[in-house]
C-alpha atoms as a PDB file:
ATOM      1  CA  MET A   1      82.330-101.538  10.658  1.00  0.00           C
ATOM      2  CA  THR A   2      81.228-103.449  13.396  1.00  0.00           C
ATOM      3  CA  VAL A   3      78.528-105.925  12.269  1.00  0.00           C
ATOM      4  CA  ARG A   4      75.767-104.949  15.295  1.00  0.00           C
ATOM      5  CA  GLN A   5      73.113-108.377  15.000  1.00  0.00           C
ATOM      6  CA  LYS A   6      69.730-107.431  16.412  1.00  0.00           C
ATOM      7  CA  LEU A   7      67.894-110.529  17.655  1.00  0.00           C
ATOM      8  CA  LEU A   8      64.570-110.418  18.928  1.00  0.00           C
ATOM      9  CA  TYR A   9      63.627-111.660  22.518  1.00  0.00           C
ATOM     10  CA  THR A  10      60.858-111.143  24.974  1.00  0.00           C
ATOM     11  CA  TYR A  11      59.480-112.089  28.481  1.00  0.00           C
ATOM     12  CA  PRO A  12      56.282-113.262  27.510  1.00  0.00           C
ATOM     13  CA  GLN A  13      55.362-113.652  31.193  1.00  0.00           C
ATOM     14  CA  TYR A  14      56.041-109.554  31.348  1.00  0.00           C
ATOM     15  CA  VAL A  15      54.365-108.581  28.003  1.00  0.00           C
ATOM     16  CA  PRO A  16      50.831-109.943  28.276  1.00  0.00           C
ATOM     17  CA  SER A  17      50.237-108.858  24.336  1.00  0.00           C
ATOM     18  CA  PHE A  18      53.050-111.442  23.242  1.00  0.00           C
ATOM     19  CA  ASP A  19      51.758-115.120  22.660  1.00  0.00           C
ATOM     20  CA  VAL A  20      54.821-117.066  21.474  1.00  0.00           C
ATOM     21  CA  ASP A  21      55.563-120.571  19.816  1.00  0.00           C
ATOM     22  CA  ASP A  22      51.630-120.964  20.733  1.00  0.00           C
ATOM     23  CA  THR A  23      52.856-122.469  24.451  1.00  0.00           C
ATOM     24  CA  LYS A  24      51.574-120.753  27.710  1.00  0.00           C
ATOM     25  CA  LYS A  25      54.812-121.742  29.849  1.00  0.00           C
ATOM     26  CA  CYS A  26      56.780-118.848  31.346  1.00  0.00           C
ATOM     27  CA  ARG A  27      60.220-118.151  30.677  1.00  0.00           C
ATOM     28  CA  HIS A  28      62.469-116.682  33.220  1.00  0.00           C
ATOM     29  CA  ALA A  29      65.057-116.148  30.746  1.00  0.00           C
ATOM     30  CA  PRO A  30      65.372-114.133  27.498  1.00  0.00           C
ATOM     31  CA  GLU A  31      64.733-116.792  24.400  1.00  0.00           C
ATOM     32  CA  ARG A  32      65.239-115.821  20.562  1.00  0.00           C
ATOM     33  CA  ILE A  33      62.026-116.285  18.735  1.00  0.00           C
ATOM     34  CA  ASP A  34      61.198-116.560  14.936  1.00  0.00           C
ATOM     35  CA  ARG A  35      57.230-116.724  15.329  1.00  0.00           C
ATOM     36  CA  TYR A  36      55.001-114.944  17.480  1.00  0.00           C
ATOM     37  CA  ARG A  37      51.631-112.984  17.709  1.00  0.00           C
ATOM     38  CA  THR A  38      50.832-109.150  18.982  1.00  0.00           C
ATOM     39  CA  ASP A  39      48.371-106.576  18.756  1.00  0.00           C
ATOM     40  CA  ARG A  40      47.774-104.753  15.247  1.00  0.00           C
ATOM     41  CA  ARG A  41      48.948-101.459  16.141  1.00  0.00           C
ATOM     42  CA  SER A  42      52.860-102.886  16.456  1.00  0.00           C
ATOM     43  CA  THR A  43      55.279-103.447  13.424  1.00  0.00           C
ATOM     44  CA  THR A  44      58.473-105.307  14.050  1.00  0.00           C
ATOM     45  CA  LEU A  45      61.559-106.238  11.796  1.00  0.00           C
ATOM     46  CA  TYR A  46      64.068-108.079  13.409  1.00  0.00           C
ATOM     47  CA  ILE A  47      67.276-109.621  12.104  1.00  0.00           C
ATOM     48  CA  GLN A  48      68.619-113.398  12.760  1.00  0.00           C
ATOM     49  CA  GLU A  49      72.069-114.157  13.211  1.00  0.00           C
ATOM     50  CA  ASP A  50      72.415-115.332   9.580  1.00  0.00           C
ATOM     51  CA  LEU A  51      71.800-111.475   8.902  1.00  0.00           C
ATOM     52  CA  ARG A  52      68.382-112.374   7.073  1.00  0.00           C
ATOM     53  CA  LEU A  53      65.358-109.567   7.797  1.00  0.00           C
ATOM     54  CA  TRP A  54      62.526-110.793   8.872  1.00  0.00           C
ATOM     55  CA  ALA A  55      59.180-108.885   9.541  1.00  0.00           C
ATOM     56  CA  LEU A  56      55.572-109.275  10.699  1.00  0.00           C
ATOM     57  CA  VAL A  57      52.017-107.634  12.056  1.00  0.00           C
ATOM     58  CA  HIS A  58      51.012-103.807  10.922  1.00  0.00           C
ATOM     59  CA  ASN A  59      51.670-103.387   7.292  1.00  0.00           C
ATOM     60  CA  ASP A  60      49.064-100.679   5.988  1.00  0.00           C
ATOM     61  CA  TYR A  61      51.624 -98.602   4.121  1.00  0.00           C
ATOM     62  CA  GLY A  62      54.035-101.367   3.500  1.00  0.00           C
ATOM     63  CA  GLN A  63      56.537-101.090   6.107  1.00  0.00           C
ATOM     64  CA  LEU A  64      56.984-104.740   6.193  1.00  0.00           C
ATOM     65  CA  GLY A  65      58.663-104.752   2.929  1.00  0.00           C
ATOM     66  CA  ASP A  66      57.341-107.792   1.471  1.00  0.00           C
ATOM     67  CA  GLY A  67      55.663-106.367  -1.625  1.00  0.00           C
ATOM     68  CA  THR A  68      51.992-106.469   0.125  1.00  0.00           C
ATOM     69  CA  THR A  69      50.079-104.054   2.134  1.00  0.00           C
ATOM     70  CA  GLU A  70      48.745-106.920   4.498  1.00  0.00           C
ATOM     71  CA  ASP A  71      49.276-107.504   8.071  1.00  0.00           C
ATOM     72  CA  ARG A  72      51.076-110.679   8.479  1.00  0.00           C
ATOM     73  CA  TYR A  73      50.672-112.543  11.807  1.00  0.00           C
ATOM     74  CA  GLU A  74      53.960-115.034  10.525  1.00  0.00           C
ATOM     75  CA  SER A  75      57.082-113.783  10.025  1.00  0.00           C
ATOM     76  CA  VAL A  76      57.865-113.200   6.505  1.00  0.00           C
ATOM     77  CA  TYR A  77      61.536-112.685   4.531  1.00  0.00           C
ATOM     78  CA  VAL A  78      62.488-109.139   3.706  1.00  0.00           C
ATOM     79  CA  MET A  79      66.187-109.238   2.577  1.00  0.00           C
ATOM     80  CA  ASN A  80      69.210-110.239   3.523  1.00  0.00           C
ATOM     81  CA  ASP A  81      72.818-109.077   4.539  1.00  0.00           C
ATOM     82  CA  VAL A  82      71.172-106.709   6.907  1.00  0.00           C
ATOM     83  CA  VAL A  83      73.278-105.369   9.872  1.00  0.00           C
ATOM     84  CA  ASP A  84      70.944-102.553  11.274  1.00  0.00           C
ATOM     85  CA  VAL A  85      67.248-101.661  11.023  1.00  0.00           C
ATOM     86  CA  SER A  86      65.218 -98.863  12.346  1.00  0.00           C
ATOM     87  CA  ILE A  87      61.445 -98.705  12.307  1.00  0.00           C
ATOM     88  CA  SER A  88      59.063 -95.492  12.883  1.00  0.00           C
ATOM     89  CA  ARG A  89      55.449 -95.923  13.101  1.00  0.00           C
ATOM     90  CA  ASN A  90      55.095 -96.355   9.131  1.00  0.00           C
ATOM     91  CA  HIS A  91      58.781 -96.508   7.660  1.00  0.00           C
ATOM     92  CA  ALA A  92      61.703 -98.244   8.269  1.00  0.00           C
ATOM     93  CA  LEU A  93      65.477 -97.788   7.542  1.00  0.00           C
ATOM     94  CA  ILE A  94      67.399-100.715   6.444  1.00  0.00           C
ATOM     95  CA  LEU A  95      71.241-100.671   6.579  1.00  0.00           C
ATOM     96  CA  ARG A  96      72.899-103.356   4.831  1.00  0.00           C
ATOM     97  CA  ALA A  97      76.660-105.077   5.376  1.00  0.00           C
ATOM     98  CA  ASP A  98      77.631-102.992   1.865  1.00  0.00           C
ATOM     99  CA  ASN A  99      76.973 -99.938   3.914  1.00  0.00           C
ATOM    100  CA  THR A 100      73.930 -99.378   1.546  1.00  0.00           C
ATOM    101  CA  LEU A 101      70.767 -97.463   2.859  1.00  0.00           C
ATOM    102  CA  TRP A 102      67.455 -98.723   1.946  1.00  0.00           C
ATOM    103  CA  SER A 103      63.992 -97.323   2.557  1.00  0.00           C
ATOM    104  CA  VAL A 104      60.342 -98.822   3.057  1.00  0.00           C
ATOM    105  CA  GLY A 105      57.090 -97.950   3.321  1.00  0.00           C
ATOM    106  CA  ARG A 106      54.926 -94.898   4.167  1.00  0.00           C
ATOM    107  CA  ASN A 107      56.519 -91.730   2.408  1.00  0.00           C
ATOM    108  CA  ASN A 108      53.990 -88.859   2.443  1.00  0.00           C
ATOM    109  CA  HIS A 109      56.470 -86.663   3.561  1.00  0.00           C
ATOM    110  CA  GLY A 110      59.530 -87.984   1.768  1.00  0.00           C
ATOM    111  CA  GLN A 111      60.859 -89.887   4.520  1.00  0.00           C
ATOM    112  CA  LEU A 112      61.997 -92.929   2.279  1.00  0.00           C
ATOM    113  CA  GLY A 113      64.402 -90.433   0.875  1.00  0.00           C
ATOM    114  CA  ASP A 114      63.823 -91.521  -3.172  1.00  0.00           C
ATOM    115  CA  GLY A 115      62.528 -88.202  -4.271  1.00  0.00           C
ATOM    116  CA  THR A 116      58.993 -88.409  -4.317  1.00  0.00           C
ATOM    117  CA  LYS A 117      56.160 -88.795  -1.814  1.00  0.00           C
ATOM    118  CA  VAL A 118      54.919 -92.223  -3.109  1.00  0.00           C
ATOM    119  CA  SER A 119      54.751 -94.942  -0.539  1.00  0.00           C
ATOM    120  CA  SER A 120      56.597 -98.553  -1.283  1.00  0.00           C
ATOM    121  CA  SER A 121      55.980-101.941  -0.091  1.00  0.00           C
ATOM    122  CA  ILE A 122      59.458-102.775  -1.614  1.00  0.00           C
ATOM    123  CA  PRO A 123      62.809-101.386  -0.015  1.00  0.00           C
ATOM    124  CA  ILE A 124      64.324 -98.689  -2.379  1.00  0.00           C
ATOM    125  CA  HIS A 125      68.068 -98.080  -2.498  1.00  0.00           C
ATOM    126  CA  ILE A 126      68.684 -94.849  -1.233  1.00  0.00           C
ATOM    127  CA  MET A 127      72.309 -93.923  -0.379  1.00  0.00           C
ATOM    128  CA  ASP A 128      75.896 -95.633   0.012  1.00  0.00           C
ATOM    129  CA  ASP A 129      78.845 -95.349   2.277  1.00  0.00           C
ATOM    130  CA  ILE A 130      76.061 -95.492   5.509  1.00  0.00           C
ATOM    131  CA  VAL A 131      77.038 -96.553   8.819  1.00  0.00           C
ATOM    132  CA  GLY A 132      74.451 -95.402  10.845  1.00  0.00           C
ATOM    133  CA  ILE A 133      70.826 -94.612  10.764  1.00  0.00           C
ATOM    134  CA  ASP A 134      67.380 -93.726  12.608  1.00  0.00           C
ATOM    135  CA  ALA A 135      64.171 -93.088  11.572  1.00  0.00           C
ATOM    136  CA  GLY A 136      62.098 -90.588  13.244  1.00  0.00           C
ATOM    137  CA  GLN A 137      58.492 -90.171  13.225  1.00  0.00           C
ATOM    138  CA  THR A 138      57.994 -88.738   9.724  1.00  0.00           C
ATOM    139  CA  HIS A 139      61.668 -87.868   9.028  1.00  0.00           C
ATOM    140  CA  SER A 140      65.033 -90.108   8.422  1.00  0.00           C
ATOM    141  CA  LEU A 141      68.760 -89.503   9.561  1.00  0.00           C
ATOM    142  CA  ALA A 142      71.581 -91.468   8.086  1.00  0.00           C
ATOM    143  CA  LEU A 143      75.363 -91.061   9.105  1.00  0.00           C
ATOM    144  CA  ASP A 144      77.934 -91.449   6.872  1.00  0.00           C
ATOM    145  CA  SER A 145      81.841 -92.868   7.242  1.00  0.00           C
ATOM    146  CA  GLN A 146      82.869 -89.365   7.328  1.00  0.00           C
ATOM    147  CA  GLY A 147      81.132 -88.366  10.471  1.00  0.00           C
ATOM    148  CA  LYS A 148      78.307 -86.448   8.255  1.00  0.00           C
ATOM    149  CA  LEU A 149      74.375 -86.636   9.189  1.00  0.00           C
ATOM    150  CA  TRP A 150      72.069 -86.462   6.258  1.00  0.00           C
ATOM    151  CA  GLY A 151      68.114 -85.873   6.901  1.00  0.00           C
ATOM    152  CA  PHE A 152      64.981 -86.376   4.480  1.00  0.00           C
ATOM    153  CA  GLY A 153      61.519 -86.188   5.200  1.00  0.00           C
ATOM    154  CA  LYS A 154      59.669 -83.664   7.158  1.00  0.00           C
ATOM    155  CA  MET A 155      62.265 -81.120   8.490  1.00  0.00           C
ATOM    156  CA  VAL A 156      62.420 -77.471   8.455  1.00  0.00           C
ATOM    157  CA  ILE A 157      65.956 -76.951   8.494  1.00  0.00           C
ATOM    158  CA  ASP A 158      67.234 -73.188   7.518  1.00  0.00           C
ATOM    159  CA  SER A 159      69.169 -73.419   3.943  1.00  0.00           C
ATOM    160  CA  VAL A 160      67.741 -76.595   3.347  1.00  0.00           C
ATOM    161  CA  PRO A 161      65.206 -76.497   0.673  1.00  0.00           C
ATOM    162  CA  SER A 162      61.819 -78.215   1.230  1.00  0.00           C
ATOM    163  CA  ASP A 163      58.379 -77.959  -0.364  1.00  0.00           C
ATOM    164  CA  SER A 164      55.370 -75.931   0.926  1.00  0.00           C
ATOM    165  CA  TYR A 165      54.962 -78.653   3.557  1.00  0.00           C
ATOM    166  CA  SER A 166      58.254 -78.932   4.853  1.00  0.00           C
ATOM    167  CA  SER A 167      59.270 -81.943   3.041  1.00  0.00           C
ATOM    168  CA  ILE A 168      62.732 -82.750   2.102  1.00  0.00           C
ATOM    169  CA  LEU A 169      62.360 -85.460  -0.635  1.00  0.00           C
ATOM    170  CA  GLN A 170      65.895 -86.604  -0.990  1.00  0.00           C
ATOM    171  CA  PRO A 171      69.352 -86.943   1.317  1.00  0.00           C
ATOM    172  CA  PHE A 172      70.619 -83.528   2.262  1.00  0.00           C
ATOM    173  CA  PRO A 173      73.822 -83.099   4.759  1.00  0.00           C
ATOM    174  CA  ILE A 174      72.956 -81.039   7.865  1.00  0.00           C
ATOM    175  CA  LEU A 175      75.489 -81.551   9.935  1.00  0.00           C
ATOM    176  CA  ASP A 176      79.116 -82.518  10.674  1.00  0.00           C
ATOM    177  CA  ASN A 177      81.274 -84.326  12.773  1.00  0.00           C
ATOM    178  CA  VAL A 178      78.634 -86.565  14.434  1.00  0.00           C
ATOM    179  CA  ALA A 179      79.014 -89.835  16.664  1.00  0.00           C
ATOM    180  CA  ALA A 180      75.688 -90.420  17.843  1.00  0.00           C
ATOM    181  CA  PHE A 181      72.026 -89.266  16.541  1.00  0.00           C
ATOM    182  CA  SER A 182      68.367 -89.799  17.209  1.00  0.00           C
ATOM    183  CA  GLY A 183      65.015 -89.072  15.478  1.00  0.00           C
ATOM    184  CA  GLY A 184      62.345 -88.247  17.302  1.00  0.00           C
ATOM    185  CA  ASP A 185      58.385 -86.957  16.688  1.00  0.00           C
ATOM    186  CA  ASN A 186      59.374 -83.641  14.598  1.00  0.00           C
ATOM    187  CA  PHE A 187      62.675 -83.374  16.098  1.00  0.00           C
ATOM    188  CA  SER A 188      66.475 -84.273  15.871  1.00  0.00           C
ATOM    189  CA  LEU A 189      69.486 -84.836  18.443  1.00  0.00           C
ATOM    190  CA  ALA A 190      73.361 -85.229  17.461  1.00  0.00           C
ATOM    191  CA  VAL A 191      76.319 -85.491  19.409  1.00  0.00           C
ATOM    192  CA  LYS A 192      79.541 -84.585  17.792  1.00  0.00           C
ATOM    193  CA  HIS A 193      83.058 -86.116  18.539  1.00  0.00           C
ATOM    194  CA  ASP A 194      83.782 -83.464  21.076  1.00  0.00           C
ATOM    195  CA  GLY A 195      80.926 -84.544  23.019  1.00  0.00           C
ATOM    196  CA  SER A 196      79.019 -81.288  22.486  1.00  0.00           C
ATOM    197  CA  LEU A 197      74.909 -81.923  22.311  1.00  0.00           C
ATOM    198  CA  TRP A 198      73.072 -80.422  19.060  1.00  0.00           C
ATOM    199  CA  VAL A 199      69.644 -80.259  18.825  1.00  0.00           C
ATOM    200  CA  LEU A 200      66.658 -79.283  16.171  1.00  0.00           C
ATOM    201  CA  GLY A 201      63.043 -79.194  15.466  1.00  0.00           C
ATOM    202  CA  GLU A 202      59.964 -78.912  17.707  1.00  0.00           C
ATOM    203  CA  ASN A 203      60.503 -77.934  21.252  1.00  0.00           C
ATOM    204  CA  ARG A 204      56.822 -77.191  22.609  1.00  0.00           C
ATOM    205  CA  HIS A 205      57.423 -79.525  25.267  1.00  0.00           C
ATOM    206  CA  GLY A 206      60.983 -78.766  26.180  1.00  0.00           C
ATOM    207  CA  GLN A 207      62.176 -82.230  24.319  1.00  0.00           C
ATOM    208  CA  LEU A 208      65.467 -79.870  23.121  1.00  0.00           C
ATOM    209  CA  GLY A 209      66.517 -79.359  26.669  1.00  0.00           C
ATOM    210  CA  LEU A 210      66.115 -75.552  25.766  1.00  0.00           C
ATOM    211  CA  GLU A 211      63.498 -73.084  27.288  1.00  0.00           C
ATOM    212  CA  ASN A 212      62.796 -71.291  24.279  1.00  0.00           C
ATOM    213  CA  PRO A 213      61.589 -71.112  21.558  1.00  0.00           C
ATOM    214  CA  GLU A 214      58.892 -73.477  20.721  1.00  0.00           C
ATOM    215  CA  PHE A 215      61.004 -74.460  17.224  1.00  0.00           C
ATOM    216  CA  ILE A 216      64.151 -74.486  16.250  1.00  0.00           C
ATOM    217  CA  THR A 217      65.157 -74.039  12.706  1.00  0.00           C
ATOM    218  CA  ALA A 218      68.972 -74.971  12.994  1.00  0.00           C
ATOM    219  CA  PHE A 219      71.132 -77.256  14.553  1.00  0.00           C
ATOM    220  CA  THR A 220      71.495 -75.459  18.143  1.00  0.00           C
ATOM    221  CA  ARG A 221      74.131 -76.311  20.668  1.00  0.00           C
ATOM    222  CA  VAL A 222      72.697 -76.984  24.446  1.00  0.00           C
ATOM    223  CA  GLU A 223      74.719 -76.342  27.331  1.00  0.00           C
ATOM    224  CA  VAL A 224      75.912 -79.757  28.092  1.00  0.00           C
ATOM    225  CA  GLN A 225      78.800 -81.849  27.864  1.00  0.00           C
ATOM    226  CA  ILE A 226      78.267 -85.597  27.017  1.00  0.00           C
ATOM    227  CA  PRO A 227      81.311 -87.350  29.348  1.00  0.00           C
ATOM    228  CA  ASP A 228      83.710 -90.153  28.011  1.00  0.00           C
ATOM    229  CA  PHE A 229      82.907 -89.449  24.277  1.00  0.00           C
ATOM    230  CA  PRO A 230      85.798 -89.895  21.729  1.00  0.00           C
ATOM    231  CA  ASP A 231      87.236 -86.701  20.349  1.00  0.00           C
ATOM    232  CA  SER A 232      87.014 -85.391  17.055  1.00  0.00           C
ATOM    233  CA  THR A 233      90.208 -87.470  16.032  1.00  0.00           C
ATOM    234  CA  THR A 234      88.807 -90.840  16.740  1.00  0.00           C
ATOM    235  CA  THR A 235      86.761 -92.673  14.163  1.00  0.00           C
ATOM    236  CA  PRO A 236      84.239 -95.315  15.968  1.00  0.00           C
ATOM    237  CA  ASP A 237      83.810 -98.830  14.238  1.00  0.00           C
ATOM    238  CA  ALA A 238      79.922 -97.722  14.168  1.00  0.00           C
ATOM    239  CA  PRO A 239      78.304 -94.617  15.515  1.00  0.00           C
ATOM    240  CA  ASP A 240      75.834 -95.054  18.636  1.00  0.00           C
ATOM    241  CA  GLN A 241      72.292 -94.083  18.607  1.00  0.00           C
ATOM    242  CA  LEU A 242      71.323 -91.989  21.573  1.00  0.00           C
END
């Protein structure tokens, strides 16, 4: 698996809410930073070159993963050997170098995938053999090494068991042969290795690329072909996020 390191960069002269390293100088090229302040609406997780995960700012559901629900305005260490991280408004997914999936934060719809609706301020081990992750608004997506896409949290999918609040509390396989994927606000997108685009979930604003209906409860193919995509016989080093 290819290690995809995510570093935090900013242009403070173009992002007024940032006040980087307590200086006022303008920067005309990206500069890696380990400490900064931003507004209270933000939650930030970032990975350093040594694969250590750090977090700061908004933490009302423990989504920073530091064992508290206190907002942090200086970076706090979360865990090591992290190769990818995805965060939604109130929960985060963490992928480690050993292909294990961890989750942290709000869990009102089971989006942490641990079988409960109890939020956690400490990362929880959820799955093994995972190569890609994406956190939707109130649901989570994870891709395993065989190209199988797993979903959990608030999702309405035919034949997938959920509670009365449309919550899937543990990872459940939802689509095969997936190469790229993305989770949004109550909807999901996936591209298979043959370049076909598949969609699921809310469609009131046409976000699935379909005229009707307003809600899709089974993955449905959209009549569009994604060009230059590897075919189903090719296994990429790491999946792409849409």
